[in-house]
Amino acid sequence: TGHTIFQAKAVDPDEGANGMVAYSLKQNPKNLFSIDEQSGAISLTGLLDVNDGSYQVEIMASDLGVPERSSSFILTVSVHDVNDNPPVFDQLSYEVIISEMEPVNSRFFSVHASDKDSGTNGEIAYNIIEGNTGDA
């Protein structure tokens, strides 16, 4: 939070106060965004939620003239998932007993894990890292 994510820039060819531009947010979902009135720099004021997908922020630029003139546009802020959740197994430990007569390459056991991240960040690869003696 607090860093600039977008820089709005409006130009008013008028002179004096009529040409000075002030920025504001006309639409600010969940009050997650702020704008510097003079520079137009847009910052985050809170954490974005990947489950929301995107946010529509309406940015308005107004001159300081009388009467005031303004225009606005919609900024779409898309939220992409980061890999911030580890995979979790359904159980903490597993125990398997199999017959020594079990055919080679037979499927005798399976485990399941889940990951709260979405997309490729939620994909899980399984590897045996210990206990695979004799290339069993």
Protein backbone atom coordinates (compact mmCIF):
# COMPACT_ATOMS: atom_id res chain seq x y z
CA THR A 1 0.00 0.00 0.00
CA GLY A 2 1.02 3.60 -0.47
CA HIS A 3 3.03 3.32 -3.69
CA THR A 4 1.94 4.89 -6.97
CA ILE A 5 0.18 2.45 -9.31
CA PHE A 6 -0.91 4.92 -12.01
CA GLN A 7 -0.20 8.49 -13.07
CA ALA A 8 -3.16 10.47 -14.43
CA LYS A 9 -2.28 13.43 -16.65
CA ALA A 10 -4.71 16.01 -18.02
CA VAL A 11 -3.81 19.12 -20.00
CA ASP A 12 -5.91 22.30 -20.09
CA PRO A 13 -4.76 24.89 -22.66
CA ASP A 14 -6.52 27.78 -20.88
CA GLU A 15 -4.47 30.38 -19.02
CA GLY A 16 -4.48 31.21 -15.32
CA ALA A 17 -6.87 29.40 -12.98
CA ASN A 18 -8.83 28.15 -15.98
CA GLY A 19 -5.78 26.12 -17.02
CA MET A 20 -4.89 24.69 -13.60
CA VAL A 21 -6.00 21.08 -13.11
CA ALA A 22 -7.07 19.35 -9.90
CA TYR A 23 -7.61 15.60 -9.72
CA SER A 24 -10.15 13.62 -7.71
CA LEU A 25 -11.68 10.16 -7.57
CA LYS A 26 -15.31 10.13 -8.61
CA GLN A 27 -15.65 6.36 -8.11
CA ASN A 28 -13.42 4.61 -5.56
CA PRO A 29 -14.42 0.99 -4.90
CA LYS A 30 -14.02 0.00 -1.24
CA ASN A 31 -11.95 3.20 -0.75
CA LEU A 32 -8.86 1.24 -1.82
CA PHE A 33 -7.38 4.08 -3.88
CA SER A 34 -6.27 7.66 -3.30
CA ILE A 35 -5.20 10.38 -5.70
CA ASP A 36 -2.84 13.29 -5.23
CA GLU A 37 -5.00 16.32 -6.08
CA GLN A 38 -2.12 18.19 -7.72
CA SER A 39 -0.04 15.50 -9.44
CA GLY A 40 -2.70 12.92 -10.33
CA ALA A 41 -0.67 10.08 -8.79
CA ILE A 42 -2.95 7.20 -7.80
CA SER A 43 -1.93 5.03 -4.84
CA LEU A 44 -3.32 2.04 -2.99
CA THR A 45 -4.73 2.64 0.48
CA GLY A 46 -5.56 -1.01 1.20
CA LEU A 47 -4.98 -4.56 0.04
CA LEU A 48 -6.55 -5.71 -3.22
CA ASP A 49 -8.40 -9.02 -3.28
CA VAL A 50 -7.74 -11.38 -6.19
CA ASN A 51 -11.26 -12.75 -5.72
CA ASP A 52 -12.65 -9.38 -6.83
CA GLY A 53 -10.82 -9.77 -10.16
CA SER A 54 -10.67 -6.07 -11.01
CA TYR A 55 -11.67 -2.63 -9.77
CA GLN A 56 -13.18 0.25 -11.75
CA VAL A 57 -11.80 3.60 -10.57
CA GLU A 58 -13.25 6.79 -12.07
CA ILE A 59 -10.71 9.61 -12.22
CA MET A 60 -11.85 13.20 -12.69
CA ALA A 61 -9.76 16.18 -13.75
CA SER A 62 -11.26 19.63 -13.10
CA ASP A 63 -9.94 23.08 -13.89
CA LEU A 64 -10.05 25.84 -11.29
CA GLY A 65 -12.03 28.20 -13.49
CA VAL A 66 -15.51 29.63 -13.01
CA PRO A 67 -17.50 27.87 -14.19
CA GLU A 68 -15.52 24.72 -13.47
CA ARG A 69 -14.92 22.38 -16.40
CA SER A 70 -14.10 18.72 -15.90
CA SER A 71 -13.71 15.39 -17.62
CA SER A 72 -13.26 11.87 -16.34
CA PHE A 73 -12.23 8.39 -17.38
CA ILE A 74 -12.44 4.87 -15.96
CA LEU A 75 -9.24 3.12 -14.91
CA THR A 76 -9.59 -0.67 -14.69
CA VAL A 77 -7.20 -2.16 -12.14
CA SER A 78 -6.86 -5.91 -12.69
CA VAL A 79 -5.66 -8.06 -9.79
CA HIS A 80 -3.43 -11.05 -10.48
CA ASP A 81 -2.85 -13.81 -7.97
CA VAL A 82 0.54 -14.15 -6.31
CA ASN A 83 1.88 -17.43 -5.00
CA ASP A 84 1.26 -16.66 -1.31
CA ASN A 85 -0.30 -19.94 -0.13
CA PRO A 86 1.56 -23.24 0.30
CA PRO A 87 0.00 -26.53 -0.74
CA VAL A 88 -1.57 -28.40 2.17
CA PHE A 89 -1.99 -32.18 2.40
CA ASP A 90 -5.29 -33.60 3.64
CA GLN A 91 -3.39 -35.43 6.41
CA LEU A 92 -0.14 -34.79 8.26
CA SER A 93 1.13 -38.36 7.79
CA TYR A 94 0.20 -41.47 5.83
CA GLU A 95 0.96 -45.15 6.41
CA VAL A 96 0.68 -47.82 3.74
CA ILE A 97 1.01 -51.58 4.00
CA ILE A 98 1.28 -53.48 0.72
CA SER A 99 1.96 -57.07 -0.20
CA GLU A 100 5.38 -57.99 -1.51
CA MET A 101 3.47 -59.65 -4.35
CA GLU A 102 2.11 -56.30 -5.55
CA PRO A 103 2.85 -56.01 -9.30
CA VAL A 104 5.52 -53.53 -10.38
CA ASN A 105 4.10 -50.13 -11.43
CA SER A 106 0.74 -50.86 -9.83
CA ARG A 107 -1.16 -48.06 -8.19
CA PHE A 108 -1.54 -48.84 -4.52
CA PHE A 109 -1.93 -45.46 -2.82
CA SER A 110 -2.73 -41.83 -3.51
CA VAL A 111 -2.45 -38.58 -1.58
CA HIS A 112 -4.22 -35.29 -2.08
CA ALA A 113 -3.13 -31.73 -1.40
CA SER A 114 -4.86 -28.42 -2.11
CA ASP A 115 -3.58 -24.90 -2.70
CA LYS A 116 -5.70 -21.75 -2.20
CA ASP A 117 -3.84 -19.88 -4.95
CA SER A 118 -5.47 -19.68 -8.37
CA GLY A 119 -4.22 -20.52 -11.86
CA THR A 120 -0.71 -21.88 -12.21
CA ASN A 121 0.08 -20.72 -8.65
CA GLY A 122 -2.43 -23.29 -7.40
CA GLU A 123 -1.07 -26.21 -9.41
CA ILE A 124 0.61 -28.94 -7.37
CA ALA A 125 3.44 -31.30 -8.34
CA TYR A 126 4.18 -34.35 -6.19
CA ASN A 127 7.66 -35.81 -5.64
CA ILE A 128 9.10 -38.49 -3.37
CA ILE A 129 11.93 -36.73 -1.56
CA GLU A 130 12.87 -39.33 1.06
CA GLY A 131 12.44 -43.02 1.76
CA ASN A 132 12.47 -44.25 -1.84
CA THR A 133 15.15 -46.86 -1.13
CA GLY A 134 16.34 -49.15 -3.88
CA ASP A 135 14.41 -47.14 -6.50
CA ALA A 136 11.20 -48.67 -5.21
